[in-house]
Amino acid sequence: MTSSSLPSTIAAPVEHTLEIKRSVFLTHLAPARTVEEADAVIASIRKLRWDARHHCTALIVGTHADRQRSSDDGEPAGTAGVPMLEVLRRREMTDVVAVVSRWFGGVLLGAGGLVRAYGNAVAGALDEAAIVHRALRTHVSMDVPHADAGRVLAFLHQWVGTHDAVLDSPAYGQAATLSLWVPQDQVDALNADLAAHTGGAIATEAGEIRVVDVPAR
């Protein structure tokens, strides 16, 4: 996976319920930046939903989705955790944990039915989640006189919305320090647009490059 197509994550926990032949599959999908955070989520769901027969899990963490794990939790091998994990992989997700709690409805679903049920349970939760994309961005900052800060900030708010950039909160000292995270190939465009908007009165400084969250627009 290239730096321009890093895996995404979710903005907040989400839950989704699926019922098949009286079996209930309740998915809890949550952000988790480490395996330890994911394990804490799993433990809390096990405690909260103690009466479910199974708590099957799948997790992926790491900027490049480099740590992955799943568990069938008593379901036939390969019918729960793996299909759950495969959905997360197909959707190119990371820093996320999925827990599907199942209450058995008395009707056997068979191996194929379980694979479809657990996969669809996670897919349904992802469909309802707010997706946060990630990408490499360059930090660009500028010091703006307080008298001009509101006008320049309004311009930047509009600019980031059309250039896949992310605006930081302003910092106020002797001047207002405004900063944003910009695609590398858009830094020159930012400077040109800013110069046109301010008559060349504001100088920018490009800094570090790092992976940032870019909310879907």
Protein backbone atom coordinates (compact mmCIF):
# COMPACT_ATOMS: atom_id res chain seq x y z
CA MET A 1 0.00 0.00 0.00
CA THR A 2 1.47 3.35 -1.01
CA SER A 3 1.65 6.50 1.08
CA SER A 4 -1.05 8.03 -1.12
CA SER A 5 -3.48 5.23 -0.32
CA LEU A 6 -3.03 4.60 3.39
CA PRO A 7 -5.73 2.56 5.14
CA SER A 8 -8.59 4.49 6.74
CA THR A 9 -10.09 4.30 10.22
CA ILE A 10 -13.39 5.26 11.87
CA ALA A 11 -14.15 8.46 13.76
CA ALA A 12 -16.17 6.95 16.61
CA PRO A 13 -17.66 3.66 17.86
CA VAL A 14 -20.71 2.33 16.04
CA GLU A 15 -23.05 -0.62 16.59
CA HIS A 16 -25.11 -2.66 14.15
CA THR A 17 -27.60 -5.48 14.75
CA LEU A 18 -28.27 -8.33 12.32
CA GLU A 19 -30.83 -11.11 12.91
CA ILE A 20 -30.71 -14.36 10.94
CA LYS A 21 -33.00 -17.31 11.73
CA ARG A 22 -33.53 -15.99 15.26
CA SER A 23 -29.78 -15.69 15.93
CA VAL A 24 -28.82 -12.12 16.79
CA PHE A 25 -25.42 -10.76 15.73
CA LEU A 26 -24.60 -7.45 17.44
CA THR A 27 -21.47 -5.76 16.09
CA HIS A 28 -19.49 -3.24 18.12
CA LEU A 29 -16.94 -1.42 15.96
CA ALA A 30 -14.50 0.92 17.70
CA PRO A 31 -11.32 2.89 16.97
CA ALA A 32 -8.19 1.37 18.55
CA ARG A 33 -4.65 2.57 17.86
CA THR A 34 -2.92 -0.33 19.64
CA VAL A 35 -3.55 -4.01 20.33
CA GLU A 36 -3.86 -3.10 24.00
CA GLU A 37 -6.65 -0.60 23.26
CA ALA A 38 -8.40 -3.21 21.14
CA ASP A 39 -8.13 -5.82 23.90
CA ALA A 40 -9.67 -3.35 26.37
CA VAL A 41 -12.63 -2.84 24.02
CA ILE A 42 -13.08 -6.61 23.66
CA ALA A 43 -12.96 -7.08 27.46
CA SER A 44 -15.56 -4.36 28.02
CA ILE A 45 -17.95 -5.88 25.47
CA ARG A 46 -17.55 -9.35 27.01
CA LYS A 47 -18.46 -7.88 30.40
CA LEU A 48 -21.35 -5.80 29.05
CA ARG A 49 -22.86 -8.61 26.97
CA TRP A 50 -22.03 -11.50 29.27
CA ASP A 51 -25.11 -13.45 28.20
CA ALA A 52 -24.07 -13.82 24.53
CA ARG A 53 -22.83 -17.27 23.51
CA HIS A 54 -19.94 -15.97 21.39
CA HIS A 55 -17.87 -12.77 21.17
CA CYS A 56 -15.98 -13.14 17.90
CA THR A 57 -13.33 -10.54 17.15
CA ALA A 58 -11.13 -9.03 14.46
CA LEU A 59 -8.66 -6.18 14.78
CA ILE A 60 -6.21 -4.31 12.59
CA VAL A 61 -3.79 -1.68 13.93
CA GLY A 62 -0.82 0.27 12.62
CA THR A 63 -0.39 3.04 10.07
CA HIS A 64 0.08 0.44 7.34
CA ALA A 65 -2.30 -2.14 8.87
CA ASP A 66 0.68 -4.24 9.90
CA ARG A 67 -0.84 -5.95 12.97
CA GLN A 68 -3.90 -8.13 12.47
CA ARG A 69 -5.66 -10.70 14.64
CA SER A 70 -8.97 -12.55 14.81
CA SER A 71 -10.81 -15.06 17.02
CA ASP A 72 -13.71 -17.43 16.38
CA ASP A 73 -14.47 -17.66 20.12
CA GLY A 74 -15.97 -21.12 19.97
CA GLU A 75 -17.59 -20.94 16.53
CA PRO A 76 -16.34 -23.53 14.00
CA ALA A 77 -12.80 -22.67 12.90
CA GLY A 78 -12.65 -20.06 10.13
CA THR A 79 -16.36 -19.16 10.19
CA ALA A 80 -16.27 -15.94 12.23
CA GLY A 81 -13.01 -14.13 12.97
CA VAL A 82 -11.45 -14.64 9.54
CA PRO A 83 -14.46 -13.40 7.53
CA MET A 84 -14.74 -10.43 9.89
CA LEU A 85 -11.06 -9.63 9.36
CA GLU A 86 -11.43 -10.04 5.61
CA VAL A 87 -14.13 -7.36 5.52
CA LEU A 88 -11.85 -4.93 7.36
CA ARG A 89 -9.05 -5.75 4.90
CA ARG A 90 -11.26 -5.33 1.83
CA ARG A 91 -12.46 -1.96 3.08
CA GLU A 92 -8.79 -0.98 3.70
CA MET A 93 -9.28 -0.18 7.39
CA THR A 94 -6.83 0.06 10.29
CA ASP A 95 -6.75 1.11 13.95
CA VAL A 96 -10.11 -0.56 14.42
CA VAL A 97 -11.53 -3.50 16.37
CA ALA A 98 -14.74 -5.39 15.61
CA VAL A 99 -16.57 -7.50 18.21
CA VAL A 100 -19.60 -9.49 17.07
CA SER A 101 -21.64 -10.84 19.98
CA ARG A 102 -23.99 -13.68 19.00
CA TRP A 103 -27.07 -14.92 20.76
CA PHE A 104 -27.98 -18.35 19.33
CA GLY A 105 -31.53 -18.62 18.04
CA GLY A 106 -31.82 -22.41 18.03
CA VAL A 107 -31.35 -22.90 14.28
CA LEU A 108 -27.96 -24.07 12.97
CA LEU A 109 -26.70 -21.81 10.17
CA GLY A 110 -23.97 -24.10 8.82
CA ALA A 111 -20.42 -23.05 8.05
CA GLY A 112 -21.34 -21.03 4.97
CA GLY A 113 -24.18 -19.30 6.78
CA LEU A 114 -21.89 -18.32 9.65
CA VAL A 115 -19.24 -16.95 7.29
CA ARG A 116 -21.85 -14.79 5.55
CA ALA A 117 -23.45 -13.70 8.82
CA TYR A 118 -20.24 -12.58 10.53
CA GLY A 119 -18.94 -10.89 7.39
CA ASN A 120 -22.22 -9.07 6.80
CA ALA A 121 -22.40 -8.05 10.46
CA VAL A 122 -19.09 -6.18 10.20
CA ALA A 123 -19.88 -4.79 6.74
CA GLY A 124 -23.17 -3.41 8.06
CA ALA A 125 -21.41 -1.65 10.93
CA LEU A 126 -18.82 -0.16 8.57
CA ASP A 127 -21.62 1.14 6.35
CA GLU A 128 -22.90 3.15 9.31
CA ALA A 129 -19.50 4.37 10.55
CA ALA A 130 -17.98 7.78 9.87
CA ILE A 131 -14.84 6.97 7.87
CA VAL A 132 -11.64 8.96 8.43
CA HIS A 133 -9.10 8.79 5.61
CA ARG A 134 -5.37 9.10 6.20
CA ALA A 135 -2.66 10.54 4.00
CA LEU A 136 0.77 12.12 4.01
CA ARG A 137 0.49 15.89 4.38
CA THR A 138 3.00 18.77 4.63
CA HIS A 139 2.74 21.20 7.54
CA VAL A 140 2.43 24.82 6.40
CA SER A 141 2.30 27.66 8.94
CA MET A 142 2.08 31.46 8.81
CA ASP A 143 2.08 34.37 11.25
CA VAL A 144 -0.74 36.81 10.58
CA PRO A 145 -1.37 40.18 12.26
CA HIS A 146 -4.39 39.98 14.57
CA ALA A 147 -6.24 42.55 12.48
CA ASP A 148 -6.08 40.25 9.44
CA ALA A 149 -6.43 36.89 11.19
CA GLY A 150 -10.19 36.52 10.77
CA ARG A 151 -10.08 37.24 7.05
CA VAL A 152 -7.15 34.89 6.39
CA LEU A 153 -8.65 32.14 8.56
CA ALA A 154 -11.93 32.34 6.63
CA PHE A 155 -9.97 32.00 3.39
CA LEU A 156 -8.09 28.94 4.72
CA HIS A 157 -11.34 27.29 5.87
CA GLN A 158 -12.62 27.56 2.31
CA TRP A 159 -9.31 26.51 0.76
CA VAL A 160 -8.89 23.27 2.74
CA GLY A 161 -12.38 22.15 1.74
CA THR A 162 -11.42 22.08 -1.94
CA HIS A 163 -7.81 20.89 -1.65
CA ASP A 164 -8.09 17.83 0.63
CA ALA A 165 -6.16 19.64 3.37
CA VAL A 166 -6.65 19.85 7.15
CA LEU A 167 -6.68 23.09 9.17
CA ASP A 168 -5.24 23.24 12.69
CA SER A 169 -6.67 25.39 15.48
CA PRO A 170 -5.10 28.87 15.45
CA ALA A 171 -2.62 29.90 18.13
CA TYR A 172 -2.60 33.48 19.38
CA GLY A 173 0.48 35.29 20.64
CA GLN A 174 2.07 38.50 19.39
CA ALA A 175 0.54 37.44 16.08
CA ALA A 176 -1.96 34.77 15.08
CA THR A 177 -0.20 31.59 13.98
CA LEU A 178 -2.31 29.73 11.45
CA SER A 179 -1.29 26.28 10.23
CA LEU A 180 -2.61 23.53 8.04
CA TRP A 181 -1.63 20.17 6.56
CA VAL A 182 -1.46 20.27 2.78
CA PRO A 183 -0.85 17.66 0.04
CA GLN A 184 2.76 18.09 -1.09
CA ASP A 185 1.73 18.87 -4.65
CA GLN A 186 -0.64 21.63 -3.43
CA VAL A 187 1.84 23.68 -1.37
CA ASP A 188 2.69 25.94 -4.33
CA ALA A 189 -1.01 26.36 -5.09
CA LEU A 190 -1.65 27.41 -1.47
CA ASN A 191 1.12 30.00 -1.63
CA ALA A 192 -0.18 31.39 -4.92
CA ASP A 193 -3.80 31.53 -3.73
CA LEU A 194 -2.80 33.09 -0.41
CA ALA A 195 -0.65 35.69 -2.17
CA ALA A 196 -3.56 36.59 -4.43
CA HIS A 197 -5.89 36.88 -1.43
CA THR A 198 -3.55 38.99 0.72
CA GLY A 199 -1.59 40.90 -1.88
CA GLY A 200 1.54 38.92 -0.99
CA ALA A 201 1.54 40.24 2.58
CA ILE A 202 1.65 36.83 4.31
CA ALA A 203 4.70 34.52 4.18
CA THR A 204 4.34 30.79 4.77
CA GLU A 205 6.78 28.21 6.08
CA ALA A 206 6.65 24.55 5.07
CA GLY A 207 7.72 22.03 7.72
CA GLU A 208 7.42 18.36 8.54
CA ILE A 209 5.61 15.72 6.50
CA ARG A 210 3.54 13.17 8.39
CA VAL A 211 0.43 11.00 8.26
CA VAL A 212 -2.72 12.89 9.29
CA ASP A 213 -6.43 12.10 9.52
CA VAL A 214 -8.40 13.61 6.66
CA PRO A 215 -12.16 13.50 7.39
CA ALA A 216 -14.27 12.43 4.41
CA ARG A 217 -16.02 15.35 2.72
